[in-house]
Amino acid sequence: MGDEFSMDELLLALLKQGAYFKPVKITTTELGKMLEMSQQNVSHRLSVLEKEDMVNRTASGIELTKKAKDRVDVLYADMKLIFEKEKLELSGVIVSGLGEGKYYLSMDGYRKQVKEKFGYLPFPGTLNIEIDENDMWKKQHILKMEPIIITGFKDKNRSYGDLFGYKCRIGDIDCAIIVPLRTHHGPRIIEIISRVELKKRLGKKDGDRIKVVF
């Protein structure tokens, strides 16, 4: 626990120096003074963070890796929700899907479980949203929550993987983000299911902005 706290302290010190955005030139002695640690202690902790793929040390300086940024984003989300008591909202733009949602949500193996675990039979299709880059930290936070698991199954032809579900709302409509274990979508795309055809009910089209509330 103490080591983990110190690691987060070190990450915070690097954040303050701008390491989230670019490599920063700072010595372990300078970091030690900031954190009231010995130079040797800081050097050791930096080595541990390197082994954990949390920081890179190059000739240009020290920078946070994507893994470290994801961790920082989740910590930020936790603190923001605790202290500001805000609802968690994802904003983005509606985009065309690949037809995968319609295919999978037409299968009884998934539909029956959605009915059992979410309380409704899903419309056979998903609303696909490309979330804003600035909201990616919120998505990271959501995916750290305990999911509702739609268990995979087999038929005569192939196996189908688990789906992870997270309850949400769009306006006054109960929905859920569905995250397949394997997907062809990029990281900024989320898929939303509901009992209704969301585009039609909301009067929305591709390119329109939308908010999802948790």
Protein backbone atom coordinates (compact mmCIF):
# COMPACT_ATOMS: atom_id res chain seq x y z
CA MET A 1 0.00 0.00 0.00
CA GLY A 2 2.80 2.42 0.91
CA ASP A 3 4.72 1.69 -2.27
CA GLU A 4 1.62 2.11 -4.44
CA PHE A 5 0.86 5.45 -2.77
CA SER A 6 4.43 6.60 -3.39
CA MET A 7 4.18 5.55 -7.03
CA ASP A 8 1.04 7.63 -7.48
CA GLU A 9 2.81 10.50 -5.71
CA LEU A 10 5.67 10.22 -8.18
CA LEU A 11 3.27 10.10 -11.13
CA LEU A 12 1.55 13.21 -9.75
CA ALA A 13 4.90 15.02 -9.48
CA LEU A 14 5.67 14.14 -13.10
CA LEU A 15 2.19 15.30 -14.12
CA LYS A 16 2.81 18.67 -12.50
CA GLN A 17 5.93 18.99 -14.60
CA GLY A 18 3.97 18.30 -17.81
CA ALA A 19 5.01 14.68 -18.46
CA TYR A 20 1.45 13.83 -19.57
CA PHE A 21 1.98 15.82 -22.76
CA LYS A 22 5.70 15.54 -23.54
CA PRO A 23 9.02 14.32 -22.06
CA VAL A 24 10.26 16.55 -19.25
CA LYS A 25 13.85 17.22 -18.30
CA ILE A 26 14.08 16.68 -14.55
CA THR A 27 16.62 14.89 -12.38
CA THR A 28 15.93 12.35 -9.65
CA THR A 29 17.53 14.82 -7.22
CA GLU A 30 14.99 17.50 -8.19
CA LEU A 31 12.12 15.00 -7.90
CA GLY A 32 13.45 13.94 -4.50
CA LYS A 33 13.34 17.53 -3.23
CA MET A 34 9.79 17.94 -4.50
CA LEU A 35 8.64 14.74 -2.79
CA GLU A 36 10.88 14.96 0.27
CA MET A 37 12.49 11.65 -0.67
CA SER A 38 16.08 10.65 -1.14
CA GLN A 39 17.50 10.63 -4.65
CA GLN A 40 18.09 6.89 -4.30
CA ASN A 41 14.46 6.28 -3.34
CA VAL A 42 13.18 8.25 -6.35
CA SER A 43 15.58 6.45 -8.67
CA HIS A 44 14.39 3.07 -7.37
CA ARG A 45 10.73 4.00 -7.80
CA LEU A 46 11.33 5.29 -11.33
CA SER A 47 12.97 1.96 -12.18
CA VAL A 48 9.91 0.12 -10.86
CA LEU A 49 7.60 2.36 -12.91
CA GLU A 50 9.73 1.64 -16.00
CA LYS A 51 9.43 -2.11 -15.43
CA GLU A 52 5.66 -1.69 -15.07
CA ASP A 53 5.59 0.22 -18.39
CA MET A 54 4.37 3.39 -16.68
CA VAL A 55 7.21 5.74 -17.67
CA ASN A 56 9.81 6.03 -20.40
CA ARG A 57 13.22 7.59 -19.79
CA THR A 58 14.97 8.82 -22.92
CA ALA A 59 17.51 11.46 -23.88
CA SER A 60 14.56 13.86 -24.20
CA GLY A 61 13.50 13.32 -20.58
CA ILE A 62 10.85 11.38 -18.64
CA GLU A 63 7.39 10.84 -20.08
CA LEU A 64 4.30 8.92 -19.04
CA THR A 65 3.27 5.92 -21.13
CA LYS A 66 -0.28 5.23 -22.32
CA LYS A 67 -0.67 2.77 -19.43
CA ALA A 68 0.24 5.51 -16.93
CA LYS A 69 -2.07 8.02 -18.62
CA ASP A 70 -4.95 5.54 -18.41
CA ARG A 71 -4.27 5.07 -14.70
CA VAL A 72 -4.13 8.82 -14.14
CA ASP A 73 -7.36 9.32 -16.09
CA VAL A 74 -9.18 6.79 -13.92
CA LEU A 75 -7.84 8.39 -10.72
CA TYR A 76 -8.95 11.79 -12.02
CA ALA A 77 -12.43 10.43 -12.79
CA ASP A 78 -12.73 8.93 -9.31
CA MET A 79 -11.72 12.19 -7.60
CA LYS A 80 -13.95 14.32 -9.81
CA LEU A 81 -16.99 12.16 -9.12
CA ILE A 82 -16.31 12.04 -5.38
CA PHE A 83 -15.72 15.75 -4.83
CA GLU A 84 -17.90 17.35 -7.49
CA LYS A 85 -20.73 14.81 -7.21
CA GLU A 86 -21.43 15.18 -10.92
CA LYS A 87 -23.28 12.71 -13.07
CA LEU A 88 -20.94 10.89 -15.39
CA GLU A 89 -21.73 11.90 -18.97
CA LEU A 90 -20.20 10.84 -22.28
CA SER A 91 -20.64 13.21 -25.21
CA GLY A 92 -20.07 12.38 -28.84
CA VAL A 93 -21.39 12.10 -32.38
CA ILE A 94 -23.64 9.40 -33.82
CA VAL A 95 -21.87 7.36 -36.51
CA SER A 96 -22.82 4.52 -38.84
CA GLY A 97 -22.33 1.01 -37.54
CA LEU A 98 -20.87 -2.07 -39.20
CA GLY A 99 -24.01 -4.19 -38.88
CA GLU A 100 -22.48 -6.33 -36.15
CA GLY A 101 -24.95 -5.17 -33.50
CA LYS A 102 -27.97 -6.12 -35.60
CA TYR A 103 -26.47 -9.54 -36.29
CA TYR A 104 -25.63 -10.39 -32.69
CA LEU A 105 -28.74 -8.88 -31.10
CA SER A 106 -30.93 -11.00 -33.37
CA MET A 107 -29.60 -14.15 -31.66
CA ASP A 108 -31.68 -15.76 -28.95
CA GLY A 109 -28.50 -16.64 -27.01
CA TYR A 110 -27.89 -12.91 -26.38
CA ARG A 111 -31.47 -11.62 -26.48
CA LYS A 112 -32.73 -13.86 -23.67
CA GLN A 113 -29.88 -12.81 -21.38
CA VAL A 114 -30.43 -9.10 -22.09
CA LYS A 115 -34.11 -9.58 -21.20
CA GLU A 116 -33.14 -11.37 -17.97
CA LYS A 117 -30.37 -8.98 -16.88
CA PHE A 118 -31.56 -5.59 -18.19
CA GLY A 119 -35.33 -6.11 -18.12
CA TYR A 120 -36.11 -5.73 -21.83
CA LEU A 121 -35.67 -7.43 -25.17
CA PRO A 122 -33.19 -5.32 -27.13
CA PHE A 123 -33.96 -3.70 -30.45
CA PRO A 124 -31.87 -5.72 -32.97
CA GLY A 125 -29.21 -3.10 -33.57
CA THR A 126 -26.96 -0.69 -31.70
CA LEU A 127 -26.55 3.08 -31.63
CA ASN A 128 -22.89 3.78 -32.34
CA ILE A 129 -21.33 6.90 -30.87
CA GLU A 130 -17.86 8.27 -31.45
CA ILE A 131 -17.13 9.88 -28.10
CA ASP A 132 -15.19 13.12 -27.76
CA GLU A 133 -11.45 12.77 -27.21
CA ASN A 134 -11.78 14.78 -23.99
CA ASP A 135 -14.23 12.18 -22.63
CA MET A 136 -11.95 9.17 -23.10
CA TRP A 137 -10.96 9.34 -19.41
CA LYS A 138 -14.64 8.91 -18.53
CA LYS A 139 -14.87 5.81 -20.72
CA GLN A 140 -11.82 4.40 -18.92
CA HIS A 141 -13.58 5.01 -15.61
CA ILE A 142 -16.77 3.29 -16.78
CA LEU A 143 -14.89 0.22 -17.98
CA LYS A 144 -13.35 -0.13 -14.50
CA MET A 145 -16.84 -0.57 -13.04
CA GLU A 146 -18.30 -4.02 -12.38
CA PRO A 147 -19.97 -5.08 -15.65
CA ILE A 148 -23.17 -7.01 -16.20
CA ILE A 149 -21.94 -10.03 -18.14
CA ILE A 150 -23.86 -11.48 -21.07
CA THR A 151 -22.33 -14.94 -21.31
CA GLY A 152 -21.11 -16.25 -24.65
CA PHE A 153 -22.50 -19.42 -26.20
CA LYS A 154 -22.03 -21.90 -29.05
CA ASP A 155 -24.23 -22.94 -31.93
CA LYS A 156 -23.65 -25.48 -34.70
CA ASN A 157 -21.32 -23.17 -36.61
CA ARG A 158 -19.20 -21.22 -34.14
CA SER A 159 -18.66 -19.82 -30.66
CA TYR A 160 -19.78 -16.35 -29.57
CA GLY A 161 -17.93 -14.42 -26.87
CA ASP A 162 -19.05 -12.68 -23.69
CA LEU A 163 -20.47 -9.16 -23.79
CA PHE A 164 -19.91 -6.69 -20.95
CA GLY A 165 -22.81 -4.36 -20.22
CA TYR A 166 -23.00 -1.03 -18.34
CA LYS A 167 -26.39 0.57 -17.64
CA CYS A 168 -26.94 4.16 -18.79
CA ARG A 169 -29.62 6.54 -20.03
CA ILE A 170 -30.15 8.75 -23.06
CA GLY A 171 -32.78 11.30 -22.12
CA ASP A 172 -35.47 9.28 -20.35
CA ILE A 173 -34.65 6.02 -22.15
CA ASP A 174 -32.98 3.13 -20.32
CA CYS A 175 -29.99 1.89 -22.29
CA ALA A 176 -26.72 0.04 -21.86
CA ILE A 177 -23.24 0.23 -23.32
CA ILE A 178 -22.31 -3.18 -24.68
CA VAL A 179 -18.60 -4.05 -24.98
CA PRO A 180 -17.74 -7.24 -26.92
CA LEU A 181 -14.49 -8.99 -26.04
CA ARG A 182 -13.60 -8.69 -29.72
CA THR A 183 -14.65 -5.74 -31.86
CA HIS A 184 -13.68 -4.07 -35.12
CA HIS A 185 -14.50 -0.63 -33.73
CA GLY A 186 -11.83 1.86 -32.64
CA PRO A 187 -11.42 2.85 -28.98
CA ARG A 188 -13.58 5.97 -29.28
CA ILE A 189 -16.65 4.08 -30.52
CA ILE A 190 -19.22 2.86 -28.02
CA GLU A 191 -22.27 0.71 -28.83
CA ILE A 192 -25.58 1.37 -27.08
CA ILE A 193 -28.52 -1.01 -26.83
CA SER A 194 -32.10 -0.29 -25.77
CA ARG A 195 -35.59 -1.69 -26.09
CA VAL A 196 -36.30 0.86 -28.84
CA GLU A 197 -34.67 1.99 -32.08
CA LEU A 198 -32.80 4.90 -30.55
CA LYS A 199 -32.19 7.01 -33.66
CA LYS A 200 -35.88 6.90 -34.54
CA ARG A 201 -37.12 7.53 -30.99
CA LEU A 202 -34.70 10.44 -30.46
CA GLY A 203 -35.16 11.91 -33.94
CA LYS A 204 -31.41 11.76 -34.52
CA LYS A 205 -29.19 10.99 -37.51
CA ASP A 206 -25.53 10.31 -38.19
CA GLY A 207 -23.46 13.36 -37.31
CA ASP A 208 -25.80 14.60 -34.58
CA ARG A 209 -24.37 15.15 -31.11
CA ILE A 210 -25.69 13.16 -28.17
CA LYS A 211 -25.08 12.63 -24.43
CA VAL A 212 -25.09 9.36 -22.51
CA VAL A 213 -25.62 9.60 -18.73
CA PHE A 214 -24.54 7.09 -16.07
